[in-house]
Full PDB file with SEQRES, HELIX, SHEET, SSBOND, CRYST1, ORIGX, SCALE, CONECT and MASTER records, all heavy atoms in Angstrom:
SEQRES   1 A   42  GLY ASP SER VAL TRP LYS LEU ALA ARG ARG LEU ASP ARG          
SEQRES   2 A   42  GLY LEU LEU GLY ARG THR VAL THR ARG SER ASP LEU ARG          
SEQRES   3 A   42  VAL PRO ARG LEU ALA THR ARG ASP LEU SER GLY ARG GLU          
SEQRES   4 A   42  VAL ILE GLU                                                  
HELIX    1 AA1 ASP A    2  LEU A   15  1                                  14    
HELIX    2 AA2 PRO A   28  LEU A   30  5                                   3    
CRYST1    1.000    1.000    1.000  90.00  90.00  90.00 P 1           1          
ORIGX1      1.000000  0.000000  0.000000        0.00000                         
ORIGX2      0.000000  1.000000  0.000000        0.00000                         
ORIGX3      0.000000  0.000000  1.000000        0.00000                         
SCALE1      1.000000  0.000000  0.000000        0.00000                         
SCALE2      0.000000  1.000000  0.000000        0.00000                         
SCALE3      0.000000  0.000000  1.000000        0.00000                         
ATOM      1  N   GLY A   1       0.807  -1.200   0.008  1.00  0.00           N  
ATOM      2  CA  GLY A   1      -0.022  -0.017   0.000  1.00  0.00           C  
ATOM      3  C   GLY A   1       0.834   1.278   0.020  1.00  0.00           C  
ATOM      4  O   GLY A   1       0.503   2.276  -0.721  1.00  0.00           O  
ATOM      5  N   ASP A   2       1.922   1.290   0.758  1.00  0.00           N  
ATOM      6  CA  ASP A   2       2.732   2.472   0.812  1.00  0.00           C  
ATOM      7  C   ASP A   2       3.454   2.689  -0.517  1.00  0.00           C  
ATOM      8  O   ASP A   2       3.729   3.810  -0.953  1.00  0.00           O  
ATOM      9  CB  ASP A   2       3.742   2.446   1.957  1.00  0.00           C  
ATOM     10  CG  ASP A   2       4.536   1.123   2.012  1.00  0.00           C  
ATOM     11  OD1 ASP A   2       4.205   0.125   1.348  1.00  0.00           O  
ATOM     12  OD2 ASP A   2       5.543   1.123   2.728  1.00  0.00           O  
ATOM     13  N   SER A   3       3.792   1.604  -1.226  1.00  0.00           N  
ATOM     14  CA  SER A   3       4.462   1.682  -2.552  1.00  0.00           C  
ATOM     15  C   SER A   3       3.477   2.368  -3.526  1.00  0.00           C  
ATOM     16  O   SER A   3       3.943   3.272  -4.287  1.00  0.00           O  
ATOM     17  CB  SER A   3       4.797   0.298  -3.082  1.00  0.00           C  
ATOM     18  OG  SER A   3       5.469  -0.498  -2.157  1.00  0.00           O  
ATOM     19  N   VAL A   4       2.254   1.944  -3.574  1.00  0.00           N  
ATOM     20  CA  VAL A   4       1.282   2.507  -4.503  1.00  0.00           C  
ATOM     21  C   VAL A   4       0.929   3.983  -4.160  1.00  0.00           C  
ATOM     22  O   VAL A   4       0.741   4.827  -5.032  1.00  0.00           O  
ATOM     23  CB  VAL A   4       0.034   1.611  -4.575  1.00  0.00           C  
ATOM     24  CG1 VAL A   4      -0.971   2.153  -5.603  1.00  0.00           C  
ATOM     25  CG2 VAL A   4       0.399   0.239  -4.948  1.00  0.00           C  
ATOM     26  N   TRP A   5       0.926   4.260  -2.892  1.00  0.00           N  
ATOM     27  CA  TRP A   5       0.651   5.641  -2.396  1.00  0.00           C  
ATOM     28  C   TRP A   5       1.776   6.557  -2.906  1.00  0.00           C  
ATOM     29  O   TRP A   5       1.532   7.680  -3.402  1.00  0.00           O  
ATOM     30  CB  TRP A   5       0.570   5.712  -0.898  1.00  0.00           C  
ATOM     31  CG  TRP A   5       0.099   7.030  -0.344  1.00  0.00           C  
ATOM     32  CD1 TRP A   5      -1.201   7.388  -0.093  1.00  0.00           C  
ATOM     33  CD2 TRP A   5       0.887   8.165  -0.037  1.00  0.00           C  
ATOM     34  NE1 TRP A   5      -1.262   8.675   0.378  1.00  0.00           N  
ATOM     35  CE2 TRP A   5       0.050   9.201   0.445  1.00  0.00           C  
ATOM     36  CE3 TRP A   5       2.279   8.412  -0.104  1.00  0.00           C  
ATOM     37  CZ2 TRP A   5       0.512  10.446   0.861  1.00  0.00           C  
ATOM     38  CZ3 TRP A   5       2.732   9.649   0.291  1.00  0.00           C  
ATOM     39  CH2 TRP A   5       1.871  10.649   0.754  1.00  0.00           C  
ATOM     40  N   LYS A   6       3.007   6.116  -2.784  1.00  0.00           N  
ATOM     41  CA  LYS A   6       4.124   6.946  -3.239  1.00  0.00           C  
ATOM     42  C   LYS A   6       4.105   7.071  -4.772  1.00  0.00           C  
ATOM     43  O   LYS A   6       4.475   8.145  -5.329  1.00  0.00           O  
ATOM     44  CB  LYS A   6       5.432   6.330  -2.761  1.00  0.00           C  
ATOM     45  CG  LYS A   6       5.663   6.525  -1.279  1.00  0.00           C  
ATOM     46  CD  LYS A   6       6.945   5.851  -0.794  1.00  0.00           C  
ATOM     47  CE  LYS A   6       8.189   6.601  -1.258  1.00  0.00           C  
ATOM     48  NZ  LYS A   6       8.299   7.924  -0.545  1.00  0.00           N  
ATOM     49  N   LEU A   7       3.734   6.030  -5.475  1.00  0.00           N  
ATOM     50  CA  LEU A   7       3.567   6.093  -6.927  1.00  0.00           C  
ATOM     51  C   LEU A   7       2.539   7.143  -7.288  1.00  0.00           C  
ATOM     52  O   LEU A   7       2.711   7.911  -8.219  1.00  0.00           O  
ATOM     53  CB  LEU A   7       3.144   4.750  -7.441  1.00  0.00           C  
ATOM     54  CG  LEU A   7       2.600   4.702  -8.937  1.00  0.00           C  
ATOM     55  CD1 LEU A   7       3.706   5.128  -9.874  1.00  0.00           C  
ATOM     56  CD2 LEU A   7       2.098   3.324  -9.272  1.00  0.00           C  
ATOM     57  N   ALA A   8       1.402   7.171  -6.547  1.00  0.00           N  
ATOM     58  CA  ALA A   8       0.374   8.143  -6.875  1.00  0.00           C  
ATOM     59  C   ALA A   8       0.941   9.565  -6.684  1.00  0.00           C  
ATOM     60  O   ALA A   8       0.592  10.444  -7.515  1.00  0.00           O  
ATOM     61  CB  ALA A   8      -0.847   7.905  -5.903  1.00  0.00           C  
ATOM     62  N   ARG A   9       1.734   9.813  -5.671  1.00  0.00           N  
ATOM     63  CA  ARG A   9       2.279  11.144  -5.457  1.00  0.00           C  
ATOM     64  C   ARG A   9       3.216  11.456  -6.594  1.00  0.00           C  
ATOM     65  O   ARG A   9       3.343  12.640  -7.029  1.00  0.00           O  
ATOM     66  CB  ARG A   9       2.984  11.252  -4.139  1.00  0.00           C  
ATOM     67  CG  ARG A   9       2.087  10.880  -2.908  1.00  0.00           C  
ATOM     68  CD  ARG A   9       0.992  11.861  -2.682  1.00  0.00           C  
ATOM     69  NE  ARG A   9      -0.113  11.791  -3.601  1.00  0.00           N  
ATOM     70  CZ  ARG A   9      -1.065  10.873  -3.570  1.00  0.00           C  
ATOM     71  NH1 ARG A   9      -1.039   9.884  -2.715  1.00  0.00           N  
ATOM     72  NH2 ARG A   9      -2.085  10.909  -4.476  1.00  0.00           N  
ATOM     73  N   ARG A  10       3.986  10.476  -7.115  1.00  0.00           N  
ATOM     74  CA  ARG A  10       4.906  10.743  -8.215  1.00  0.00           C  
ATOM     75  C   ARG A  10       4.118  11.115  -9.453  1.00  0.00           C  
ATOM     76  O   ARG A  10       4.510  12.006 -10.255  1.00  0.00           O  
ATOM     77  CB  ARG A  10       5.780   9.535  -8.421  1.00  0.00           C  
ATOM     78  CG  ARG A  10       6.784   9.719  -9.567  1.00  0.00           C  
ATOM     79  CD  ARG A  10       7.971   8.743  -9.406  1.00  0.00           C  
ATOM     80  NE  ARG A  10       7.512   7.336  -9.279  1.00  0.00           N  
ATOM     81  CZ  ARG A  10       7.306   6.563 -10.324  1.00  0.00           C  
ATOM     82  NH1 ARG A  10       7.454   7.022 -11.566  1.00  0.00           N  
ATOM     83  NH2 ARG A  10       6.977   5.296 -10.157  1.00  0.00           N  
ATOM     84  N   LEU A  11       2.986  10.427  -9.721  1.00  0.00           N  
ATOM     85  CA  LEU A  11       2.117  10.700 -10.860  1.00  0.00           C  
ATOM     86  C   LEU A  11       1.468  12.049 -10.697  1.00  0.00           C  
ATOM     87  O   LEU A  11       1.241  12.734 -11.686  1.00  0.00           O  
ATOM     88  CB  LEU A  11       1.127   9.620 -11.046  1.00  0.00           C  
ATOM     89  CG  LEU A  11       1.651   8.251 -11.517  1.00  0.00           C  
ATOM     90  CD1 LEU A  11       0.548   7.174 -11.502  1.00  0.00           C  
ATOM     91  CD2 LEU A  11       2.194   8.341 -12.930  1.00  0.00           C  
ATOM     92  N   ASP A  12       1.152  12.463  -9.431  1.00  0.00           N  
ATOM     93  CA  ASP A  12       0.653  13.793  -9.221  1.00  0.00           C  
ATOM     94  C   ASP A  12       1.599  14.823  -9.776  1.00  0.00           C  
ATOM     95  O   ASP A  12       1.173  15.811 -10.478  1.00  0.00           O  
ATOM     96  CB  ASP A  12       0.479  14.015  -7.708  1.00  0.00           C  
ATOM     97  CG  ASP A  12      -0.774  13.425  -7.107  1.00  0.00           C  
ATOM     98  OD1 ASP A  12      -1.617  12.989  -7.875  1.00  0.00           O  
ATOM     99  OD2 ASP A  12      -0.857  13.437  -5.878  1.00  0.00           O  
ATOM    100  N   ARG A  13       2.891  14.687  -9.470  1.00  0.00           N  
ATOM    101  CA  ARG A  13       3.860  15.670  -9.902  1.00  0.00           C  
ATOM    102  C   ARG A  13       3.910  15.783 -11.409  1.00  0.00           C  
ATOM    103  O   ARG A  13       4.223  16.825 -11.965  1.00  0.00           O  
ATOM    104  CB  ARG A  13       5.235  15.368  -9.294  1.00  0.00           C  
ATOM    105  CG  ARG A  13       5.280  15.478  -7.817  1.00  0.00           C  
ATOM    106  CD  ARG A  13       6.719  15.398  -7.288  1.00  0.00           C  
ATOM    107  NE  ARG A  13       7.283  14.093  -7.441  1.00  0.00           N  
ATOM    108  CZ  ARG A  13       7.181  13.095  -6.541  1.00  0.00           C  
ATOM    109  NH1 ARG A  13       6.486  13.299  -5.425  1.00  0.00           N  
ATOM    110  NH2 ARG A  13       7.777  11.922  -6.708  1.00  0.00           N  
ATOM    111  N   GLY A  14       3.680  14.650 -12.132  1.00  0.00           N  
ATOM    112  CA  GLY A  14       3.827  14.657 -13.567  1.00  0.00           C  
ATOM    113  C   GLY A  14       2.555  14.983 -14.283  1.00  0.00           C  
ATOM    114  O   GLY A  14       2.569  15.466 -15.464  1.00  0.00           O  
ATOM    115  N   LEU A  15       1.363  14.661 -13.692  1.00  0.00           N  
ATOM    116  CA  LEU A  15       0.161  14.698 -14.446  1.00  0.00           C  
ATOM    117  C   LEU A  15      -1.012  15.539 -13.852  1.00  0.00           C  
ATOM    118  O   LEU A  15      -1.855  16.030 -14.615  1.00  0.00           O  
ATOM    119  CB  LEU A  15      -0.414  13.277 -14.641  1.00  0.00           C  
ATOM    120  CG  LEU A  15       0.441  12.216 -15.369  1.00  0.00           C  
ATOM    121  CD1 LEU A  15      -0.334  10.929 -15.431  1.00  0.00           C  
ATOM    122  CD2 LEU A  15       0.723  12.709 -16.765  1.00  0.00           C  
ATOM    123  N   LEU A  16      -0.993  15.700 -12.541  1.00  0.00           N  
ATOM    124  CA  LEU A  16      -2.159  16.292 -11.896  1.00  0.00           C  
ATOM    125  C   LEU A  16      -2.463  17.723 -12.475  1.00  0.00           C  
ATOM    126  O   LEU A  16      -1.571  18.541 -12.556  1.00  0.00           O  
ATOM    127  CB  LEU A  16      -1.949  16.376 -10.385  1.00  0.00           C  
ATOM    128  CG  LEU A  16      -3.134  16.668  -9.516  1.00  0.00           C  
ATOM    129  CD1 LEU A  16      -4.171  15.574  -9.666  1.00  0.00           C  
ATOM    130  CD2 LEU A  16      -2.754  16.867  -8.066  1.00  0.00           C  
ATOM    131  N   GLY A  17      -3.739  17.903 -12.780  1.00  0.00           N  
ATOM    132  CA  GLY A  17      -4.180  19.190 -13.348  1.00  0.00           C  
ATOM    133  C   GLY A  17      -3.893  19.405 -14.794  1.00  0.00           C  
ATOM    134  O   GLY A  17      -4.339  20.385 -15.387  1.00  0.00           O  
ATOM    135  N   ARG A  18      -3.234  18.431 -15.436  1.00  0.00           N  
ATOM    136  CA  ARG A  18      -2.948  18.505 -16.872  1.00  0.00           C  
ATOM    137  C   ARG A  18      -4.082  17.861 -17.665  1.00  0.00           C  
ATOM    138  O   ARG A  18      -4.749  16.983 -17.172  1.00  0.00           O  
ATOM    139  CB  ARG A  18      -1.621  17.832 -17.227  1.00  0.00           C  
ATOM    140  CG  ARG A  18      -0.363  18.677 -16.938  1.00  0.00           C  
ATOM    141  CD  ARG A  18       0.024  18.741 -15.505  1.00  0.00           C  
ATOM    142  NE  ARG A  18       1.416  19.064 -15.315  1.00  0.00           N  
ATOM    143  CZ  ARG A  18       2.001  19.075 -14.135  1.00  0.00           C  
ATOM    144  NH1 ARG A  18       1.327  18.784 -13.002  1.00  0.00           N  
ATOM    145  NH2 ARG A  18       3.272  19.391 -14.010  1.00  0.00           N  
ATOM    146  N   THR A  19      -4.160  18.319 -18.890  1.00  0.00           N  
ATOM    147  CA  THR A  19      -5.148  17.742 -19.821  1.00  0.00           C  
ATOM    148  C   THR A  19      -4.444  16.758 -20.731  1.00  0.00           C  
ATOM    149  O   THR A  19      -3.342  17.021 -21.292  1.00  0.00           O  
ATOM    150  CB  THR A  19      -5.848  18.806 -20.642  1.00  0.00           C  
ATOM    151  OG1 THR A  19      -6.525  19.712 -19.798  1.00  0.00           O  
ATOM    152  CG2 THR A  19      -6.800  18.229 -21.675  1.00  0.00           C  
ATOM    153  N   VAL A  20      -5.054  15.564 -20.859  1.00  0.00           N  
ATOM    154  CA  VAL A  20      -4.438  14.525 -21.716  1.00  0.00           C  
ATOM    155  C   VAL A  20      -4.579  14.960 -23.181  1.00  0.00           C  
ATOM    156  O   VAL A  20      -5.744  15.239 -23.628  1.00  0.00           O  
ATOM    157  CB  VAL A  20      -5.158  13.180 -21.469  1.00  0.00           C  
ATOM    158  CG1 VAL A  20      -4.597  12.110 -22.417  1.00  0.00           C  
ATOM    159  CG2 VAL A  20      -4.975  12.766 -20.011  1.00  0.00           C  
ATOM    160  N   THR A  21      -3.524  15.004 -23.869  1.00  0.00           N  
ATOM    161  CA  THR A  21      -3.568  15.308 -25.309  1.00  0.00           C  
ATOM    162  C   THR A  21      -3.567  14.078 -26.207  1.00  0.00           C  
ATOM    163  O   THR A  21      -4.020  14.197 -27.353  1.00  0.00           O  
ATOM    164  CB  THR A  21      -2.321  16.198 -25.693  1.00  0.00           C  
ATOM    165  OG1 THR A  21      -1.083  15.518 -25.305  1.00  0.00           O  
ATOM    166  CG2 THR A  21      -2.385  17.553 -24.932  1.00  0.00           C  
ATOM    167  N   ARG A  22      -3.089  12.985 -25.654  1.00  0.00           N  
ATOM    168  CA  ARG A  22      -3.121  11.753 -26.446  1.00  0.00           C  
ATOM    169  C   ARG A  22      -3.123  10.585 -25.419  1.00  0.00           C  
ATOM    170  O   ARG A  22      -2.392  10.624 -24.443  1.00  0.00           O  
ATOM    171  CB  ARG A  22      -1.903  11.562 -27.339  1.00  0.00           C  
ATOM    172  CG  ARG A  22      -1.874  10.288 -28.210  1.00  0.00           C  
ATOM    173  CD  ARG A  22      -0.752  10.242 -29.118  1.00  0.00           C  
ATOM    174  NE  ARG A  22       0.525   9.975 -28.392  1.00  0.00           N  
ATOM    175  CZ  ARG A  22       1.003   8.777 -28.185  1.00  0.00           C  
ATOM    176  NH1 ARG A  22       0.340   7.651 -28.571  1.00  0.00           N  
ATOM    177  NH2 ARG A  22       2.155   8.585 -27.532  1.00  0.00           N  
ATOM    178  N   SER A  23      -4.014   9.638 -25.667  1.00  0.00           N  
ATOM    179  CA  SER A  23      -4.025   8.455 -24.869  1.00  0.00           C  
ATOM    180  C   SER A  23      -4.000   7.197 -25.763  1.00  0.00           C  
ATOM    181  O   SER A  23      -4.439   7.253 -26.871  1.00  0.00           O  
ATOM    182  CB  SER A  23      -5.293   8.355 -23.953  1.00  0.00           C  
ATOM    183  OG  SER A  23      -6.432   8.049 -24.666  1.00  0.00           O  
ATOM    184  N   ASP A  24      -3.385   6.138 -25.202  1.00  0.00           N  
ATOM    185  CA  ASP A  24      -3.264   4.881 -25.928  1.00  0.00           C  
ATOM    186  C   ASP A  24      -3.405   3.759 -24.903  1.00  0.00           C  
ATOM    187  O   ASP A  24      -2.497   3.582 -24.077  1.00  0.00           O  
ATOM    188  CB  ASP A  24      -1.943   4.830 -26.653  1.00  0.00           C  
ATOM    189  CG  ASP A  24      -1.846   3.627 -27.609  1.00  0.00           C  
ATOM    190  OD1 ASP A  24      -2.780   2.819 -27.664  1.00  0.00           O  
ATOM    191  OD2 ASP A  24      -0.805   3.473 -28.218  1.00  0.00           O  
ATOM    192  N   LEU A  25      -4.507   3.064 -24.913  1.00  0.00           N  
ATOM    193  CA  LEU A  25      -4.755   1.933 -24.003  1.00  0.00           C  
ATOM    194  C   LEU A  25      -4.550   0.678 -24.799  1.00  0.00           C  
ATOM    195  O   LEU A  25      -5.390   0.257 -25.583  1.00  0.00           O  
ATOM    196  CB  LEU A  25      -6.186   2.003 -23.441  1.00  0.00           C  
ATOM    197  CG  LEU A  25      -6.498   3.324 -22.741  1.00  0.00           C  
ATOM    198  CD1 LEU A  25      -7.966   3.301 -22.231  1.00  0.00           C  
ATOM    199  CD2 LEU A  25      -5.535   3.698 -21.641  1.00  0.00           C  
ATOM    200  N   ARG A  26      -3.431  -0.015 -24.527  1.00  0.00           N  
ATOM    201  CA  ARG A  26      -2.990  -1.125 -25.413  1.00  0.00           C  
ATOM    202  C   ARG A  26      -3.413  -2.462 -24.799  1.00  0.00           C  
ATOM    203  O   ARG A  26      -2.603  -3.345 -24.580  1.00  0.00           O  
ATOM    204  CB  ARG A  26      -1.480  -1.067 -25.575  1.00  0.00           C  
ATOM    205  CG  ARG A  26      -1.007   0.206 -26.252  1.00  0.00           C  
ATOM    206  CD  ARG A  26       0.495   0.302 -26.420  1.00  0.00           C  
ATOM    207  NE  ARG A  26       0.927   1.591 -26.959  1.00  0.00           N  
ATOM    208  CZ  ARG A  26       2.216   1.920 -27.142  1.00  0.00           C  
ATOM    209  NH1 ARG A  26       3.146   1.085 -26.799  1.00  0.00           N  
ATOM    210  NH2 ARG A  26       2.481   3.077 -27.639  1.00  0.00           N  
ATOM    211  N   VAL A  27      -4.685  -2.574 -24.524  1.00  0.00           N  
ATOM    212  CA  VAL A  27      -5.257  -3.848 -24.117  1.00  0.00           C  
ATOM    213  C   VAL A  27      -6.517  -4.000 -25.006  1.00  0.00           C  
ATOM    214  O   VAL A  27      -7.212  -3.020 -25.247  1.00  0.00           O  
ATOM    215  CB  VAL A  27      -5.596  -3.945 -22.616  1.00  0.00           C  
ATOM    216  CG1 VAL A  27      -4.339  -3.992 -21.819  1.00  0.00           C  
ATOM    217  CG2 VAL A  27      -6.477  -2.815 -22.204  1.00  0.00           C  
ATOM    218  N   PRO A  28      -6.846  -5.151 -25.487  1.00  0.00           N  
ATOM    219  CA  PRO A  28      -7.887  -5.332 -26.479  1.00  0.00           C  
ATOM    220  C   PRO A  28      -9.229  -4.706 -26.076  1.00  0.00           C  
ATOM    221  O   PRO A  28      -9.852  -3.999 -26.900  1.00  0.00           O  
ATOM    222  CB  PRO A  28      -7.983  -6.855 -26.634  1.00  0.00           C  
ATOM    223  CG  PRO A  28      -6.647  -7.350 -26.368  1.00  0.00           C  
ATOM    224  CD  PRO A  28      -6.119  -6.493 -25.253  1.00  0.00           C  
ATOM    225  N   ARG A  29      -9.673  -4.917 -24.836  1.00  0.00           N  
ATOM    226  CA  ARG A  29     -11.043  -4.422 -24.509  1.00  0.00           C  
ATOM    227  C   ARG A  29     -11.147  -2.951 -24.334  1.00  0.00           C  
ATOM    228  O   ARG A  29     -12.204  -2.403 -24.295  1.00  0.00           O  
ATOM    229  CB  ARG A  29     -11.616  -5.148 -23.284  1.00  0.00           C  
ATOM    230  CG  ARG A  29     -10.745  -5.531 -22.274  1.00  0.00           C  
ATOM    231  CD  ARG A  29     -11.275  -6.376 -21.167  1.00  0.00           C  
ATOM    232  NE  ARG A  29     -10.403  -6.289 -20.075  1.00  0.00           N  
ATOM    233  CZ  ARG A  29     -10.474  -5.313 -19.207  1.00  0.00           C  
ATOM    234  NH1 ARG A  29     -11.427  -4.476 -19.256  1.00  0.00           N  
ATOM    235  NH2 ARG A  29      -9.615  -5.201 -18.241  1.00  0.00           N  
ATOM    236  N   LEU A  30      -9.964  -2.292 -24.224  1.00  0.00           N  
ATOM    237  CA  LEU A  30      -9.945  -0.829 -23.998  1.00  0.00           C  
ATOM    238  C   LEU A  30      -9.309  -0.104 -25.228  1.00  0.00           C  
ATOM    239  O   LEU A  30      -9.207   1.149 -25.147  1.00  0.00           O  
ATOM    240  CB  LEU A  30      -9.194  -0.430 -22.734  1.00  0.00           C  
ATOM    241  CG  LEU A  30      -9.694  -1.062 -21.407  1.00  0.00           C  
ATOM    242  CD1 LEU A  30      -8.841  -0.589 -20.284  1.00  0.00           C  
ATOM    243  CD2 LEU A  30     -11.153  -0.653 -21.162  1.00  0.00           C  
ATOM    244  N   ALA A  31      -8.949  -0.820 -26.218  1.00  0.00           N  
ATOM    245  CA  ALA A  31      -8.170  -0.231 -27.340  1.00  0.00           C  
ATOM    246  C   ALA A  31      -8.902   0.878 -28.047  1.00  0.00           C  
ATOM    247  O   ALA A  31      -8.228   1.825 -28.612  1.00  0.00           O  
ATOM    248  CB  ALA A  31      -7.800  -1.327 -28.309  1.00  0.00           C  
ATOM    249  N   THR A  32     -10.196   0.932 -28.023  1.00  0.00           N  
ATOM    250  CA  THR A  32     -10.963   1.976 -28.717  1.00  0.00           C  
ATOM    251  C   THR A  32     -11.320   3.115 -27.827  1.00  0.00           C  
ATOM    252  O   THR A  32     -11.926   4.074 -28.331  1.00  0.00           O  
ATOM    253  CB  THR A  32     -12.241   1.383 -29.385  1.00  0.00           C  
ATOM    254  OG1 THR A  32     -13.062   0.860 -28.350  1.00  0.00           O  
ATOM    255  CG2 THR A  32     -11.922   0.304 -30.338  1.00  0.00           C  
ATOM    256  N   ARG A  33     -11.022   3.048 -26.533  1.00  0.00           N  
ATOM    257  CA  ARG A  33     -11.415   4.097 -25.587  1.00  0.00           C  
ATOM    258  C   ARG A  33     -10.304   5.224 -25.650  1.00  0.00           C  
ATOM    259  O   ARG A  33      -9.127   4.956 -25.813  1.00  0.00           O  
ATOM    260  CB  ARG A  33     -11.466   3.498 -24.181  1.00  0.00           C  
ATOM    261  CG  ARG A  33     -12.468   2.384 -24.043  1.00  0.00           C  
ATOM    262  CD  ARG A  33     -13.880   2.779 -24.259  1.00  0.00           C  
ATOM    263  NE  ARG A  33     -14.349   3.800 -23.256  1.00  0.00           N  
ATOM    264  CZ  ARG A  33     -14.872   3.448 -22.078  1.00  0.00           C  
ATOM    265  NH1 ARG A  33     -14.977   2.165 -21.753  1.00  0.00           N  
ATOM    266  NH2 ARG A  33     -15.262   4.370 -21.269  1.00  0.00           N  
ATOM    267  N   ASP A  34     -10.783   6.449 -25.532  1.00  0.00           N  
ATOM    268  CA  ASP A  34      -9.900   7.576 -25.633  1.00  0.00           C  
ATOM    269  C   ASP A  34     -10.063   8.516 -24.485  1.00  0.00           C  
ATOM    270  O   ASP A  34     -11.155   8.987 -24.173  1.00  0.00           O  
ATOM    271  CB  ASP A  34     -10.168   8.288 -26.972  1.00  0.00           C  
ATOM    272  CG  ASP A  34      -9.147   9.392 -27.329  1.00  0.00           C  
ATOM    273  OD1 ASP A  34      -8.209   9.580 -26.547  1.00  0.00           O  
ATOM    274  OD2 ASP A  34      -9.361  10.056 -28.288  1.00  0.00           O  
ATOM    275  N   LEU A  35      -8.963   8.898 -23.803  1.00  0.00           N  
ATOM    276  CA  LEU A  35      -9.003   9.797 -22.665  1.00  0.00           C  
ATOM    277  C   LEU A  35      -8.575  11.218 -23.057  1.00  0.00           C  
ATOM    278  O   LEU A  35      -8.470  12.067 -22.208  1.00  0.00           O  
ATOM    279  CB  LEU A  35      -8.180   9.280 -21.510  1.00  0.00           C  
ATOM    280  CG  LEU A  35      -8.667   7.972 -20.879  1.00  0.00           C  
ATOM    281  CD1 LEU A  35      -7.625   7.438 -19.907  1.00  0.00           C  
ATOM    282  CD2 LEU A  35      -9.969   8.233 -20.149  1.00  0.00           C  
ATOM    283  N   SER A  36      -8.304  11.445 -24.316  1.00  0.00           N  
ATOM    284  CA  SER A  36      -7.852  12.766 -24.779  1.00  0.00           C  
ATOM    285  C   SER A  36      -8.898  13.821 -24.421  1.00  0.00           C  
ATOM    286  O   SER A  36     -10.128  13.581 -24.565  1.00  0.00           O  
ATOM    287  CB  SER A  36      -7.648  12.744 -26.294  1.00  0.00           C  
ATOM    288  OG  SER A  36      -6.568  11.800 -26.645  1.00  0.00           O  
ATOM    289  N   GLY A  37      -8.395  14.962 -24.022  1.00  0.00           N  
ATOM    290  CA  GLY A  37      -9.317  16.099 -23.717  1.00  0.00           C  
ATOM    291  C   GLY A  37      -9.762  16.105 -22.276  1.00  0.00           C  
ATOM    292  O   GLY A  37     -10.389  17.061 -21.802  1.00  0.00           O  
ATOM    293  N   ARG A  38      -9.445  15.070 -21.502  1.00  0.00           N  
ATOM    294  CA  ARG A  38      -9.842  14.963 -20.104  1.00  0.00           C  
ATOM    295  C   ARG A  38      -8.697  15.455 -19.214  1.00  0.00           C  
ATOM    296  O   ARG A  38      -7.528  15.140 -19.447  1.00  0.00           O  
ATOM    297  CB  ARG A  38     -10.241  13.567 -19.724  1.00  0.00           C  
ATOM    298  CG  ARG A  38     -11.467  13.028 -20.439  1.00  0.00           C  
ATOM    299  CD  ARG A  38     -11.828  11.637 -20.025  1.00  0.00           C  
ATOM    300  NE  ARG A  38     -12.931  11.087 -20.787  1.00  0.00           N  
ATOM    301  CZ  ARG A  38     -14.236  11.150 -20.516  1.00  0.00           C  
ATOM    302  NH1 ARG A  38     -14.584  11.905 -19.395  1.00  0.00           N  
ATOM    303  NH2 ARG A  38     -15.117  10.616 -21.237  1.00  0.00           N  
ATOM    304  N   GLU A  39      -9.077  16.140 -18.145  1.00  0.00           N  
ATOM    305  CA  GLU A  39      -8.083  16.590 -17.178  1.00  0.00           C  
ATOM    306  C   GLU A  39      -7.853  15.554 -16.121  1.00  0.00           C  
ATOM    307  O   GLU A  39      -8.779  14.889 -15.702  1.00  0.00           O  
ATOM    308  CB  GLU A  39      -8.563  17.917 -16.502  1.00  0.00           C  
ATOM    309  CG  GLU A  39      -7.617  18.458 -15.479  1.00  0.00           C  
ATOM    310  CD  GLU A  39      -8.204  19.679 -14.749  1.00  0.00           C  
ATOM    311  OE1 GLU A  39      -9.175  20.280 -15.256  1.00  0.00           O  
ATOM    312  OE2 GLU A  39      -7.628  20.034 -13.691  1.00  0.00           O  
ATOM    313  N   VAL A  40      -6.606  15.304 -15.717  1.00  0.00           N  
ATOM    314  CA  VAL A  40      -6.294  14.470 -14.606  1.00  0.00           C  
ATOM    315  C   VAL A  40      -6.583  15.185 -13.335  1.00  0.00           C  
ATOM    316  O   VAL A  40      -5.914  16.149 -12.976  1.00  0.00           O  
ATOM    317  CB  VAL A  40      -4.811  14.025 -14.645  1.00  0.00           C  
ATOM    318  CG1 VAL A  40      -4.530  13.071 -13.513  1.00  0.00           C  
ATOM    319  CG2 VAL A  40      -4.406  13.392 -16.011  1.00  0.00           C  
ATOM    320  N   ILE A  41      -7.554  14.682 -12.571  1.00  0.00           N  
ATOM    321  CA  ILE A  41      -8.030  15.409 -11.386  1.00  0.00           C  
ATOM    322  C   ILE A  41      -7.594  14.754 -10.077  1.00  0.00           C  
ATOM    323  O   ILE A  41      -7.577  15.445  -9.013  1.00  0.00           O  
ATOM    324  CB  ILE A  41      -9.517  15.662 -11.360  1.00  0.00           C  
ATOM    325  CG1 ILE A  41     -10.291  14.329 -11.417  1.00  0.00           C  
ATOM    326  CG2 ILE A  41      -9.940  16.576 -12.582  1.00  0.00           C  
ATOM    327  CD1 ILE A  41     -11.797  14.526 -11.251  1.00  0.00           C  
ATOM    328  N   GLU A  42      -7.211  13.516 -10.131  1.00  0.00           N  
ATOM    329  CA  GLU A  42      -6.782  12.841  -8.854  1.00  0.00           C  
ATOM    330  C   GLU A  42      -6.124  11.496  -9.094  1.00  0.00           C  
ATOM    331  O   GLU A  42      -6.542  10.810 -10.063  1.00  0.00           O  
ATOM    332  CB  GLU A  42      -8.018  12.630  -7.942  1.00  0.00           C  
ATOM    333  CG  GLU A  42      -7.610  12.140  -6.553  1.00  0.00           C  
ATOM    334  CD  GLU A  42      -8.860  12.062  -5.628  1.00  0.00           C  
ATOM    335  OE1 GLU A  42     -10.011  12.276  -6.122  1.00  0.00           O  
ATOM    336  OE2 GLU A  42      -8.659  11.853  -4.413  1.00  0.00           O  
TER     337      GLU A  42                                                      
MASTER        0    0    0    2    0    0    0    6  336    1    0    4          
END                                                                             
């Protein structure tokens, strides 16, 4: 749990509050889903 919590804080520094300009979900059931245009809020 502490490992994943620290990972979340590291992702905060890189992504929080930013808008996704391109997403690529490379698993078959999500391959057509697109997160572009969405803001990372948490």
